[in-house]
Structures are given as C-alpha cells and as structure tokens.
Full PDB file with SEQRES, HELIX, SHEET, SSBOND, CRYST1, ORIGX, SCALE, CONECT and MASTER records, all heavy atoms in Angstrom:
SEQRES   1 A   41  VAL GLY ALA PHE GLY GLY GLY LEU LEU VAL LEU GLY TRP          
SEQRES   2 A   41  LEU LEU LEU PRO LEU VAL PHE PHE GLY VAL ASP GLU THR          
SEQRES   3 A   41  LEU ASP PRO ALA ARG PHE ALA LEU LEU PRO LEU ARG ARG          
SEQRES   4 A   41  ARG THR                                                      
HELIX    1 AA1 GLY A    2  VAL A   19  1                                  18    
HELIX    2 AA2 PRO A   29  PHE A   32  5                                   4    
CRYST1    1.000    1.000    1.000  90.00  90.00  90.00 P 1           1          
ORIGX1      1.000000  0.000000  0.000000        0.00000                         
ORIGX2      0.000000  1.000000  0.000000        0.00000                         
ORIGX3      0.000000  0.000000  1.000000        0.00000                         
SCALE1      1.000000  0.000000  0.000000        0.00000                         
SCALE2      0.000000  1.000000  0.000000        0.00000                         
SCALE3      0.000000  0.000000  1.000000        0.00000                         
ATOM      1  N   VAL A   1     -18.334  27.110  18.323  1.00  0.00           N  
ATOM      2  CA  VAL A   1     -18.829  25.741  18.214  1.00  0.00           C  
ATOM      3  C   VAL A   1     -18.493  25.117  16.900  1.00  0.00           C  
ATOM      4  O   VAL A   1     -18.145  23.906  16.880  1.00  0.00           O  
ATOM      5  CB  VAL A   1     -20.392  25.767  18.434  1.00  0.00           C  
ATOM      6  CG1 VAL A   1     -20.985  24.469  18.187  1.00  0.00           C  
ATOM      7  CG2 VAL A   1     -20.664  26.248  19.854  1.00  0.00           C  
ATOM      8  N   GLY A   2     -18.579  25.828  15.787  1.00  0.00           N  
ATOM      9  CA  GLY A   2     -18.301  25.261  14.501  1.00  0.00           C  
ATOM     10  C   GLY A   2     -16.805  24.838  14.372  1.00  0.00           C  
ATOM     11  O   GLY A   2     -16.477  23.795  13.852  1.00  0.00           O  
ATOM     12  N   ALA A   3     -15.886  25.785  14.773  1.00  0.00           N  
ATOM     13  CA  ALA A   3     -14.478  25.529  14.631  1.00  0.00           C  
ATOM     14  C   ALA A   3     -14.017  24.495  15.588  1.00  0.00           C  
ATOM     15  O   ALA A   3     -13.422  23.441  15.216  1.00  0.00           O  
ATOM     16  CB  ALA A   3     -13.699  26.780  14.837  1.00  0.00           C  
ATOM     17  N   PHE A   4     -14.272  24.679  16.891  1.00  0.00           N  
ATOM     18  CA  PHE A   4     -13.764  23.740  17.919  1.00  0.00           C  
ATOM     19  C   PHE A   4     -14.547  22.424  17.893  1.00  0.00           C  
ATOM     20  O   PHE A   4     -14.040  21.384  18.072  1.00  0.00           O  
ATOM     21  CB  PHE A   4     -13.764  24.376  19.297  1.00  0.00           C  
ATOM     22  CG  PHE A   4     -12.836  25.515  19.391  1.00  0.00           C  
ATOM     23  CD1 PHE A   4     -13.196  26.696  20.026  1.00  0.00           C  
ATOM     24  CD2 PHE A   4     -11.520  25.470  18.847  1.00  0.00           C  
ATOM     25  CE1 PHE A   4     -12.295  27.740  20.200  1.00  0.00           C  
ATOM     26  CE2 PHE A   4     -10.665  26.499  18.980  1.00  0.00           C  
ATOM     27  CZ  PHE A   4     -11.039  27.674  19.617  1.00  0.00           C  
ATOM     28  N   GLY A   5     -15.848  22.551  17.757  1.00  0.00           N  
ATOM     29  CA  GLY A   5     -16.722  21.338  17.723  1.00  0.00           C  
ATOM     30  C   GLY A   5     -16.401  20.451  16.517  1.00  0.00           C  
ATOM     31  O   GLY A   5     -16.261  19.262  16.657  1.00  0.00           O  
ATOM     32  N   GLY A   6     -16.254  21.103  15.373  1.00  0.00           N  
ATOM     33  CA  GLY A   6     -15.902  20.334  14.176  1.00  0.00           C  
ATOM     34  C   GLY A   6     -14.531  19.738  14.298  1.00  0.00           C  
ATOM     35  O   GLY A   6     -14.261  18.609  13.923  1.00  0.00           O  
ATOM     36  N   GLY A   7     -13.589  20.475  14.866  1.00  0.00           N  
ATOM     37  CA  GLY A   7     -12.239  19.948  15.032  1.00  0.00           C  
ATOM     38  C   GLY A   7     -12.211  18.759  15.975  1.00  0.00           C  
ATOM     39  O   GLY A   7     -11.476  17.821  15.812  1.00  0.00           O  
ATOM     40  N   LEU A   8     -13.063  18.843  17.040  1.00  0.00           N  
ATOM     41  CA  LEU A   8     -13.105  17.712  18.007  1.00  0.00           C  
ATOM     42  C   LEU A   8     -13.728  16.468  17.283  1.00  0.00           C  
ATOM     43  O   LEU A   8     -13.353  15.392  17.608  1.00  0.00           O  
ATOM     44  CB  LEU A   8     -13.957  18.093  19.184  1.00  0.00           C  
ATOM     45  CG  LEU A   8     -13.289  19.088  20.181  1.00  0.00           C  
ATOM     46  CD1 LEU A   8     -14.334  19.398  21.305  1.00  0.00           C  
ATOM     47  CD2 LEU A   8     -12.033  18.499  20.744  1.00  0.00           C  
ATOM     48  N   LEU A   9     -14.669  16.694  16.391  1.00  0.00           N  
ATOM     49  CA  LEU A   9     -15.229  15.559  15.638  1.00  0.00           C  
ATOM     50  C   LEU A   9     -14.098  14.804  14.838  1.00  0.00           C  
ATOM     51  O   LEU A   9     -13.989  13.635  14.884  1.00  0.00           O  
ATOM     52  CB  LEU A   9     -16.350  15.984  14.688  1.00  0.00           C  
ATOM     53  CG  LEU A   9     -17.711  16.247  15.342  1.00  0.00           C  
ATOM     54  CD1 LEU A   9     -18.652  16.723  14.281  1.00  0.00           C  
ATOM     55  CD2 LEU A   9     -18.232  15.063  16.046  1.00  0.00           C  
ATOM     56  N   VAL A  10     -13.321  15.624  14.127  1.00  0.00           N  
ATOM     57  CA  VAL A  10     -12.224  15.050  13.343  1.00  0.00           C  
ATOM     58  C   VAL A  10     -11.206  14.382  14.206  1.00  0.00           C  
ATOM     59  O   VAL A  10     -10.755  13.285  13.954  1.00  0.00           O  
ATOM     60  CB  VAL A  10     -11.556  16.152  12.487  1.00  0.00           C  
ATOM     61  CG1 VAL A  10     -10.393  15.519  11.655  1.00  0.00           C  
ATOM     62  CG2 VAL A  10     -12.599  16.796  11.545  1.00  0.00           C  
ATOM     63  N   LEU A  11     -10.859  14.999  15.351  1.00  0.00           N  
ATOM     64  CA  LEU A  11      -9.877  14.405  16.234  1.00  0.00           C  
ATOM     65  C   LEU A  11     -10.410  13.141  16.886  1.00  0.00           C  
ATOM     66  O   LEU A  11      -9.731  12.147  17.132  1.00  0.00           O  
ATOM     67  CB  LEU A  11      -9.450  15.396  17.321  1.00  0.00           C  
ATOM     68  CG  LEU A  11      -8.592  16.590  16.835  1.00  0.00           C  
ATOM     69  CD1 LEU A  11      -8.282  17.493  18.014  1.00  0.00           C  
ATOM     70  CD2 LEU A  11      -7.284  16.104  16.214  1.00  0.00           C  
ATOM     71  N   GLY A  12     -11.763  13.137  17.166  1.00  0.00           N  
ATOM     72  CA  GLY A  12     -12.351  11.899  17.730  1.00  0.00           C  
ATOM     73  C   GLY A  12     -12.288  10.812  16.779  1.00  0.00           C  
ATOM     74  O   GLY A  12     -12.017   9.653  17.128  1.00  0.00           O  
ATOM     75  N   TRP A  13     -12.573  11.044  15.524  1.00  0.00           N  
ATOM     76  CA  TRP A  13     -12.462   9.979  14.499  1.00  0.00           C  
ATOM     77  C   TRP A  13     -10.987   9.530  14.358  1.00  0.00           C  
ATOM     78  O   TRP A  13     -10.761   8.386  13.929  1.00  0.00           O  
ATOM     79  CB  TRP A  13     -13.008  10.460  13.122  1.00  0.00           C  
ATOM     80  CG  TRP A  13     -14.471  10.302  13.025  1.00  0.00           C  
ATOM     81  CD1 TRP A  13     -15.472  11.193  13.443  1.00  0.00           C  
ATOM     82  CD2 TRP A  13     -15.164   9.256  12.362  1.00  0.00           C  
ATOM     83  NE1 TRP A  13     -16.695  10.682  13.164  1.00  0.00           N  
ATOM     84  CE2 TRP A  13     -16.527   9.516  12.487  1.00  0.00           C  
ATOM     85  CE3 TRP A  13     -14.715   8.060  11.724  1.00  0.00           C  
ATOM     86  CZ2 TRP A  13     -17.487   8.574  11.948  1.00  0.00           C  
ATOM     87  CZ3 TRP A  13     -15.709   7.191  11.234  1.00  0.00           C  
ATOM     88  CH2 TRP A  13     -17.066   7.498  11.308  1.00  0.00           C  
ATOM     89  N   LEU A  14     -10.103  10.422  14.567  1.00  0.00           N  
ATOM     90  CA  LEU A  14      -8.665  10.072  14.453  1.00  0.00           C  
ATOM     91  C   LEU A  14      -8.192   9.200  15.612  1.00  0.00           C  
ATOM     92  O   LEU A  14      -7.501   8.209  15.441  1.00  0.00           O  
ATOM     93  CB  LEU A  14      -7.823  11.328  14.366  1.00  0.00           C  
ATOM     94  CG  LEU A  14      -6.295  11.168  14.432  1.00  0.00           C  
ATOM     95  CD1 LEU A  14      -5.793  10.353  13.225  1.00  0.00           C  
ATOM     96  CD2 LEU A  14      -5.645  12.531  14.451  1.00  0.00           C  
ATOM     97  N   LEU A  15      -8.585   9.557  16.850  1.00  0.00           N  
ATOM     98  CA  LEU A  15      -8.005   8.899  18.018  1.00  0.00           C  
ATOM     99  C   LEU A  15      -8.774   7.785  18.631  1.00  0.00           C  
ATOM    100  O   LEU A  15      -8.234   6.804  19.098  1.00  0.00           O  
ATOM    101  CB  LEU A  15      -7.778  10.043  19.115  1.00  0.00           C  
ATOM    102  CG  LEU A  15      -6.883  11.213  18.731  1.00  0.00           C  
ATOM    103  CD1 LEU A  15      -6.798  12.222  19.909  1.00  0.00           C  
ATOM    104  CD2 LEU A  15      -5.468  10.686  18.489  1.00  0.00           C  
ATOM    105  N   LEU A  16     -10.128   7.889  18.644  1.00  0.00           N  
ATOM    106  CA  LEU A  16     -10.940   6.893  19.309  1.00  0.00           C  
ATOM    107  C   LEU A  16     -10.676   5.499  18.686  1.00  0.00           C  
ATOM    108  O   LEU A  16     -10.659   4.512  19.452  1.00  0.00           O  
ATOM    109  CB  LEU A  16     -12.365   7.288  19.362  1.00  0.00           C  
ATOM    110  CG  LEU A  16     -12.734   8.466  20.236  1.00  0.00           C  
ATOM    111  CD1 LEU A  16     -14.252   8.730  20.156  1.00  0.00           C  
ATOM    112  CD2 LEU A  16     -12.345   8.149  21.687  1.00  0.00           C  
ATOM    113  N   PRO A  17     -10.655   5.376  17.315  1.00  0.00           N  
ATOM    114  CA  PRO A  17     -10.383   4.030  16.799  1.00  0.00           C  
ATOM    115  C   PRO A  17      -9.077   3.449  17.234  1.00  0.00           C  
ATOM    116  O   PRO A  17      -8.912   2.236  17.331  1.00  0.00           O  
ATOM    117  CB  PRO A  17     -10.448   4.242  15.267  1.00  0.00           C  
ATOM    118  CG  PRO A  17     -11.257   5.466  15.120  1.00  0.00           C  
ATOM    119  CD  PRO A  17     -10.942   6.355  16.303  1.00  0.00           C  
ATOM    120  N   LEU A  18      -8.060   4.312  17.548  1.00  0.00           N  
ATOM    121  CA  LEU A  18      -6.748   3.833  17.897  1.00  0.00           C  
ATOM    122  C   LEU A  18      -6.761   3.311  19.365  1.00  0.00           C  
ATOM    123  O   LEU A  18      -6.035   2.422  19.669  1.00  0.00           O  
ATOM    124  CB  LEU A  18      -5.727   4.961  17.693  1.00  0.00           C  
ATOM    125  CG  LEU A  18      -5.394   5.403  16.342  1.00  0.00           C  
ATOM    126  CD1 LEU A  18      -4.446   6.530  16.339  1.00  0.00           C  
ATOM    127  CD2 LEU A  18      -4.925   4.280  15.435  1.00  0.00           C  
ATOM    128  N   VAL A  19      -7.519   3.965  20.221  1.00  0.00           N  
ATOM    129  CA  VAL A  19      -7.427   3.645  21.646  1.00  0.00           C  
ATOM    130  C   VAL A  19      -8.550   2.877  22.231  1.00  0.00           C  
ATOM    131  O   VAL A  19      -8.420   2.298  23.327  1.00  0.00           O  
ATOM    132  CB  VAL A  19      -7.188   4.942  22.505  1.00  0.00           C  
ATOM    133  CG1 VAL A  19      -5.897   5.601  22.072  1.00  0.00           C  
ATOM    134  CG2 VAL A  19      -8.388   5.869  22.264  1.00  0.00           C  
ATOM    135  N   PHE A  20      -9.674   2.832  21.484  1.00  0.00           N  
ATOM    136  CA  PHE A  20     -10.860   2.135  22.082  1.00  0.00           C  
ATOM    137  C   PHE A  20     -11.663   1.397  21.091  1.00  0.00           C  
ATOM    138  O   PHE A  20     -11.731   0.184  21.037  1.00  0.00           O  
ATOM    139  CB  PHE A  20     -11.692   3.054  22.876  1.00  0.00           C  
ATOM    140  CG  PHE A  20     -12.763   2.441  23.675  1.00  0.00           C  
ATOM    141  CD1 PHE A  20     -12.401   1.671  24.740  1.00  0.00           C  
ATOM    142  CD2 PHE A  20     -14.108   2.513  23.277  1.00  0.00           C  
ATOM    143  CE1 PHE A  20     -13.369   1.027  25.548  1.00  0.00           C  
ATOM    144  CE2 PHE A  20     -15.065   1.907  23.973  1.00  0.00           C  
ATOM    145  CZ  PHE A  20     -14.723   1.129  25.105  1.00  0.00           C  
ATOM    146  N   PHE A  21     -12.423   2.112  20.238  1.00  0.00           N  
ATOM    147  CA  PHE A  21     -13.494   1.496  19.435  1.00  0.00           C  
ATOM    148  C   PHE A  21     -12.990   0.611  18.324  1.00  0.00           C  
ATOM    149  O   PHE A  21     -13.608  -0.364  18.017  1.00  0.00           O  
ATOM    150  CB  PHE A  21     -14.446   2.554  18.928  1.00  0.00           C  
ATOM    151  CG  PHE A  21     -15.194   3.269  19.956  1.00  0.00           C  
ATOM    152  CD1 PHE A  21     -14.955   4.516  20.352  1.00  0.00           C  
ATOM    153  CD2 PHE A  21     -16.217   2.550  20.656  1.00  0.00           C  
ATOM    154  CE1 PHE A  21     -15.656   5.173  21.321  1.00  0.00           C  
ATOM    155  CE2 PHE A  21     -16.945   3.192  21.682  1.00  0.00           C  
ATOM    156  CZ  PHE A  21     -16.631   4.528  21.993  1.00  0.00           C  
ATOM    157  N   GLY A  22     -11.858   0.981  17.635  1.00  0.00           N  
ATOM    158  CA  GLY A  22     -11.494   0.301  16.384  1.00  0.00           C  
ATOM    159  C   GLY A  22     -12.287   0.792  15.245  1.00  0.00           C  
ATOM    160  O   GLY A  22     -13.124   1.711  15.335  1.00  0.00           O  
ATOM    161  N   VAL A  23     -12.017   0.209  14.085  1.00  0.00           N  
ATOM    162  CA  VAL A  23     -12.722   0.549  12.905  1.00  0.00           C  
ATOM    163  C   VAL A  23     -13.479  -0.606  12.351  1.00  0.00           C  
ATOM    164  O   VAL A  23     -13.053  -1.746  12.495  1.00  0.00           O  
ATOM    165  CB  VAL A  23     -11.804   1.132  11.830  1.00  0.00           C  
ATOM    166  CG1 VAL A  23     -11.221   2.439  12.212  1.00  0.00           C  
ATOM    167  CG2 VAL A  23     -10.653   0.189  11.514  1.00  0.00           C  
ATOM    168  N   ASP A  24     -14.585  -0.315  11.648  1.00  0.00           N  
ATOM    169  CA  ASP A  24     -15.387  -1.405  11.071  1.00  0.00           C  
ATOM    170  C   ASP A  24     -14.697  -2.000   9.863  1.00  0.00           C  
ATOM    171  O   ASP A  24     -14.385  -1.356   8.893  1.00  0.00           O  
ATOM    172  CB  ASP A  24     -16.758  -0.793  10.670  1.00  0.00           C  
ATOM    173  CG  ASP A  24     -17.677  -1.859   9.997  1.00  0.00           C  
ATOM    174  OD1 ASP A  24     -17.362  -3.048  10.071  1.00  0.00           O  
ATOM    175  OD2 ASP A  24     -18.602  -1.401   9.361  1.00  0.00           O  
ATOM    176  N   GLU A  25     -14.389  -3.273   9.946  1.00  0.00           N  
ATOM    177  CA  GLU A  25     -13.714  -3.999   8.888  1.00  0.00           C  
ATOM    178  C   GLU A  25     -14.611  -5.130   8.312  1.00  0.00           C  
ATOM    179  O   GLU A  25     -14.186  -6.220   8.128  1.00  0.00           O  
ATOM    180  CB  GLU A  25     -12.331  -4.549   9.295  1.00  0.00           C  
ATOM    181  CG  GLU A  25     -11.317  -3.516   9.546  1.00  0.00           C  
ATOM    182  CD  GLU A  25     -10.703  -2.943   8.198  1.00  0.00           C  
ATOM    183  OE1 GLU A  25     -11.259  -3.315   7.174  1.00  0.00           O  
ATOM    184  OE2 GLU A  25      -9.792  -2.081   8.309  1.00  0.00           O  
ATOM    185  N   THR A  26     -15.875  -4.783   8.124  1.00  0.00           N  
ATOM    186  CA  THR A  26     -16.756  -5.779   7.480  1.00  0.00           C  
ATOM    187  C   THR A  26     -16.236  -6.222   6.184  1.00  0.00           C  
ATOM    188  O   THR A  26     -16.236  -7.336   5.763  1.00  0.00           O  
ATOM    189  CB  THR A  26     -18.179  -5.178   7.332  1.00  0.00           C  
ATOM    190  OG1 THR A  26     -18.666  -4.816   8.702  1.00  0.00           O  
ATOM    191  CG2 THR A  26     -19.153  -6.159   6.783  1.00  0.00           C  
ATOM    192  N   LEU A  27     -15.735  -5.143   5.445  1.00  0.00           N  
ATOM    193  CA  LEU A  27     -15.047  -5.483   4.127  1.00  0.00           C  
ATOM    194  C   LEU A  27     -13.590  -5.255   4.377  1.00  0.00           C  
ATOM    195  O   LEU A  27     -13.023  -4.229   4.222  1.00  0.00           O  
ATOM    196  CB  LEU A  27     -15.533  -4.462   3.038  1.00  0.00           C  
ATOM    197  CG  LEU A  27     -17.039  -4.485   2.683  1.00  0.00           C  
ATOM    198  CD1 LEU A  27     -17.294  -3.508   1.547  1.00  0.00           C  
ATOM    199  CD2 LEU A  27     -17.486  -5.843   2.337  1.00  0.00           C  
ATOM    200  N   ASP A  28     -12.938  -6.370   4.818  1.00  0.00           N  
ATOM    201  CA  ASP A  28     -11.505  -6.366   5.079  1.00  0.00           C  
ATOM    202  C   ASP A  28     -10.797  -6.229   3.763  1.00  0.00           C  
ATOM    203  O   ASP A  28     -10.950  -6.999   2.823  1.00  0.00           O  
ATOM    204  CB  ASP A  28     -11.153  -7.720   5.735  1.00  0.00           C  
ATOM    205  CG  ASP A  28      -9.736  -7.672   6.255  1.00  0.00           C  
ATOM    206  OD1 ASP A  28      -8.999  -6.695   5.969  1.00  0.00           O  
ATOM    207  OD2 ASP A  28      -9.293  -8.692   6.878  1.00  0.00           O  
ATOM    208  N   PRO A  29      -9.889  -5.227   3.614  1.00  0.00           N  
ATOM    209  CA  PRO A  29      -9.161  -5.005   2.408  1.00  0.00           C  
ATOM    210  C   PRO A  29      -8.365  -6.255   1.962  1.00  0.00           C  
ATOM    211  O   PRO A  29      -8.117  -6.475   0.780  1.00  0.00           O  
ATOM    212  CB  PRO A  29      -8.238  -3.838   2.683  1.00  0.00           C  
ATOM    213  CG  PRO A  29      -8.897  -3.150   3.764  1.00  0.00           C  
ATOM    214  CD  PRO A  29      -9.574  -4.141   4.586  1.00  0.00           C  
ATOM    215  N   ALA A  30      -7.921  -7.094   2.938  1.00  0.00           N  
ATOM    216  CA  ALA A  30      -7.130  -8.272   2.605  1.00  0.00           C  
ATOM    217  C   ALA A  30      -7.933  -9.251   1.774  1.00  0.00           C  
ATOM    218  O   ALA A  30      -7.390 -10.075   1.013  1.00  0.00           O  
ATOM    219  CB  ALA A  30      -6.597  -8.940   3.884  1.00  0.00           C  
ATOM    220  N   ARG A  31      -9.227  -9.228   1.825  1.00  0.00           N  
ATOM    221  CA  ARG A  31     -10.126 -10.151   1.079  1.00  0.00           C  
ATOM    222  C   ARG A  31     -10.081  -9.781  -0.367  1.00  0.00           C  
ATOM    223  O   ARG A  31     -10.483 -10.613  -1.173  1.00  0.00           O  
ATOM    224  CB  ARG A  31     -11.534 -10.090   1.631  1.00  0.00           C  
ATOM    225  CG  ARG A  31     -11.655 -10.431   3.148  1.00  0.00           C  
ATOM    226  CD  ARG A  31     -11.279 -11.860   3.415  1.00  0.00           C  
ATOM    227  NE  ARG A  31     -11.312 -12.126   4.835  1.00  0.00           N  
ATOM    228  CZ  ARG A  31     -12.371 -12.518   5.523  1.00  0.00           C  
ATOM    229  NH1 ARG A  31     -13.550 -12.619   4.925  1.00  0.00           N  
ATOM    230  NH2 ARG A  31     -12.273 -12.772   6.819  1.00  0.00           N  
ATOM    231  N   PHE A  32      -9.695  -8.556  -0.716  1.00  0.00           N  
ATOM    232  CA  PHE A  32      -9.634  -8.165  -2.113  1.00  0.00           C  
ATOM    233  C   PHE A  32      -8.275  -8.245  -2.736  1.00  0.00           C  
ATOM    234  O   PHE A  32      -8.072  -7.859  -3.856  1.00  0.00           O  
ATOM    235  CB  PHE A  32     -10.126  -6.711  -2.233  1.00  0.00           C  
ATOM    236  CG  PHE A  32     -11.490  -6.489  -1.756  1.00  0.00           C  
ATOM    237  CD1 PHE A  32     -11.744  -6.019  -0.464  1.00  0.00           C  
ATOM    238  CD2 PHE A  32     -12.568  -6.621  -2.591  1.00  0.00           C  
ATOM    239  CE1 PHE A  32     -13.013  -5.845  -0.015  1.00  0.00           C  
ATOM    240  CE2 PHE A  32     -13.884  -6.493  -2.171  1.00  0.00           C  
ATOM    241  CZ  PHE A  32     -14.114  -6.059  -0.858  1.00  0.00           C  
ATOM    242  N   ALA A  33      -7.327  -8.914  -2.046  1.00  0.00           N  
ATOM    243  CA  ALA A  33      -5.909  -8.961  -2.465  1.00  0.00           C  
ATOM    244  C   ALA A  33      -5.770  -9.682  -3.785  1.00  0.00           C  
ATOM    245  O   ALA A  33      -4.956  -9.279  -4.646  1.00  0.00           O  
ATOM    246  CB  ALA A  33      -5.046  -9.627  -1.421  1.00  0.00           C  
ATOM    247  N   LEU A  34      -6.583 -10.716  -4.024  1.00  0.00           N  
ATOM    248  CA  LEU A  34      -6.456 -11.496  -5.326  1.00  0.00           C  
ATOM    249  C   LEU A  34      -7.347 -11.049  -6.409  1.00  0.00           C  
ATOM    250  O   LEU A  34      -7.309 -11.672  -7.439  1.00  0.00           O  
ATOM    251  CB  LEU A  34      -6.664 -13.012  -4.964  1.00  0.00           C  
ATOM    252  CG  LEU A  34      -5.752 -13.630  -3.934  1.00  0.00           C  
ATOM    253  CD1 LEU A  34      -6.121 -15.091  -3.669  1.00  0.00           C  
ATOM    254  CD2 LEU A  34      -4.289 -13.492  -4.328  1.00  0.00           C  
ATOM    255  N   LEU A  35      -8.118 -10.009  -6.196  1.00  0.00           N  
ATOM    256  CA  LEU A  35      -8.983  -9.520  -7.261  1.00  0.00           C  
ATOM    257  C   LEU A  35      -8.354  -8.455  -8.047  1.00  0.00           C  
ATOM    258  O   LEU A  35      -7.603  -7.626  -7.521  1.00  0.00           O  
ATOM    259  CB  LEU A  35     -10.295  -8.979  -6.580  1.00  0.00           C  
ATOM    260  CG  LEU A  35     -11.099 -10.029  -5.854  1.00  0.00           C  
ATOM    261  CD1 LEU A  35     -12.351  -9.316  -5.249  1.00  0.00           C  
ATOM    262  CD2 LEU A  35     -11.548 -11.220  -6.712  1.00  0.00           C  
ATOM    263  N   PRO A  36      -8.547  -8.399  -9.381  1.00  0.00           N  
ATOM    264  CA  PRO A  36      -7.909  -7.381 -10.262  1.00  0.00           C  
ATOM    265  C   PRO A  36      -8.573  -6.050 -10.126  1.00  0.00           C  
ATOM    266  O   PRO A  36      -9.240  -5.547 -11.034  1.00  0.00           O  
ATOM    267  CB  PRO A  36      -8.064  -7.981 -11.585  1.00  0.00           C  
ATOM    268  CG  PRO A  36      -9.360  -8.787 -11.535  1.00  0.00           C  
ATOM    269  CD  PRO A  36      -9.427  -9.350 -10.174  1.00  0.00           C  
ATOM    270  N   LEU A  37      -8.459  -5.420  -8.990  1.00  0.00           N  
ATOM    271  CA  LEU A  37      -9.016  -4.114  -8.729  1.00  0.00           C  
ATOM    272  C   LEU A  37      -7.959  -3.002  -8.663  1.00  0.00           C  
ATOM    273  O   LEU A  37      -6.917  -3.231  -8.010  1.00  0.00           O  
ATOM    274  CB  LEU A  37      -9.847  -4.101  -7.425  1.00  0.00           C  
ATOM    275  CG  LEU A  37     -11.100  -4.994  -7.347  1.00  0.00           C  
ATOM    276  CD1 LEU A  37     -11.659  -4.994  -5.951  1.00  0.00           C  
ATOM    277  CD2 LEU A  37     -12.112  -4.500  -8.372  1.00  0.00           C  
ATOM    278  N   ARG A  38      -8.231  -1.923  -9.259  1.00  0.00           N  
ATOM    279  CA  ARG A  38      -7.304  -0.771  -9.154  1.00  0.00           C  
ATOM    280  C   ARG A  38      -7.374  -0.251  -7.744  1.00  0.00           C  
ATOM    281  O   ARG A  38      -8.375  -0.327  -7.116  1.00  0.00           O  
ATOM    282  CB  ARG A  38      -7.626   0.242 -10.184  1.00  0.00           C  
ATOM    283  CG  ARG A  38      -7.420  -0.202 -11.626  1.00  0.00           C  
ATOM    284  CD  ARG A  38      -7.725   1.048 -12.568  1.00  0.00           C  
ATOM    285  NE  ARG A  38      -7.518   0.643 -13.981  1.00  0.00           N  
ATOM    286  CZ  ARG A  38      -8.478   0.212 -14.734  1.00  0.00           C  
ATOM    287  NH1 ARG A  38      -9.725   0.098 -14.245  1.00  0.00           N  
ATOM    288  NH2 ARG A  38      -8.228  -0.128 -15.961  1.00  0.00           N  
ATOM    289  N   ARG A  39      -6.285   0.336  -7.351  1.00  0.00           N  
ATOM    290  CA  ARG A  39      -6.262   0.922  -6.014  1.00  0.00           C  
ATOM    291  C   ARG A  39      -7.310   2.044  -5.877  1.00  0.00           C  
ATOM    292  O   ARG A  39      -7.976   2.177  -4.823  1.00  0.00           O  
ATOM    293  CB  ARG A  39      -4.865   1.465  -5.694  1.00  0.00           C  
ATOM    294  CG  ARG A  39      -3.871   0.392  -5.244  1.00  0.00           C  
ATOM    295  CD  ARG A  39      -2.642   1.051  -4.671  1.00  0.00           C  
ATOM    296  NE  ARG A  39      -1.967   1.890  -5.689  1.00  0.00           N  
ATOM    297  CZ  ARG A  39      -0.851   2.609  -5.429  1.00  0.00           C  
ATOM    298  NH1 ARG A  39      -0.322   2.615  -4.227  1.00  0.00           N  
ATOM    299  NH2 ARG A  39      -0.307   3.284  -6.367  1.00  0.00           N  
ATOM    300  N   ARG A  40      -7.474   2.856  -6.902  1.00  0.00           N  
ATOM    301  CA  ARG A  40      -8.507   3.908  -6.815  1.00  0.00           C  
ATOM    302  C   ARG A  40      -9.846   3.328  -6.639  1.00  0.00           C  
ATOM    303  O   ARG A  40     -10.691   3.835  -5.840  1.00  0.00           O  
ATOM    304  CB  ARG A  40      -8.367   4.769  -8.035  1.00  0.00           C  
ATOM    305  CG  ARG A  40      -9.366   5.951  -8.028  1.00  0.00           C  
ATOM    306  CD  ARG A  40      -9.150   6.859  -9.240  1.00  0.00           C  
ATOM    307  NE  ARG A  40      -9.392   6.159 -10.417  1.00  0.00           N  
ATOM    308  CZ  ARG A  40      -9.224   6.669 -11.670  1.00  0.00           C  
ATOM    309  NH1 ARG A  40      -8.810   7.906 -11.827  1.00  0.00           N  
ATOM    310  NH2 ARG A  40      -9.493   5.976 -12.779  1.00  0.00           N  
ATOM    311  N   THR A  41     -10.159   2.271  -7.396  1.00  0.00           N  
ATOM    312  CA  THR A  41     -11.436   1.648  -7.239  1.00  0.00           C  
ATOM    313  C   THR A  41     -11.680   1.051  -5.847  1.00  0.00           C  
ATOM    314  O   THR A  41     -12.728   1.176  -5.248  1.00  0.00           O  
ATOM    315  CB  THR A  41     -11.614   0.515  -8.296  1.00  0.00           C  
ATOM    316  OG1 THR A  41     -11.426   1.072  -9.577  1.00  0.00           O  
ATOM    317  CG2 THR A  41     -12.958  -0.155  -8.186  1.00  0.00           C  
TER     318      THR A  41                                                      
MASTER        0    0    0    2    0    0    0    6  317    1    0    4          
END                                                                             
C-alpha cells in the first residue's frame, strides 16, 4: 500500500491535471513578469 499507493498519488498529480482537472492558477506566474523577483523567490 505504501509503495504502490504512494506511487499512484504521485502519478495522479502528474497526469490528472494534464487530462482533466488542470492546475490552480490563482497566482498566475505571468502576473509577476514585471516585478523584480528572483526565480528562486
């Protein structure tokens, strides 16, 4: 359960946004394009 169940969680987060749910972009990275923020920040 730990190995396969955890692996399925990771694969679910990888695949489901691509084919169905999408990802939450409340903070769209494009809105920060003109701000002097480092990439790491």
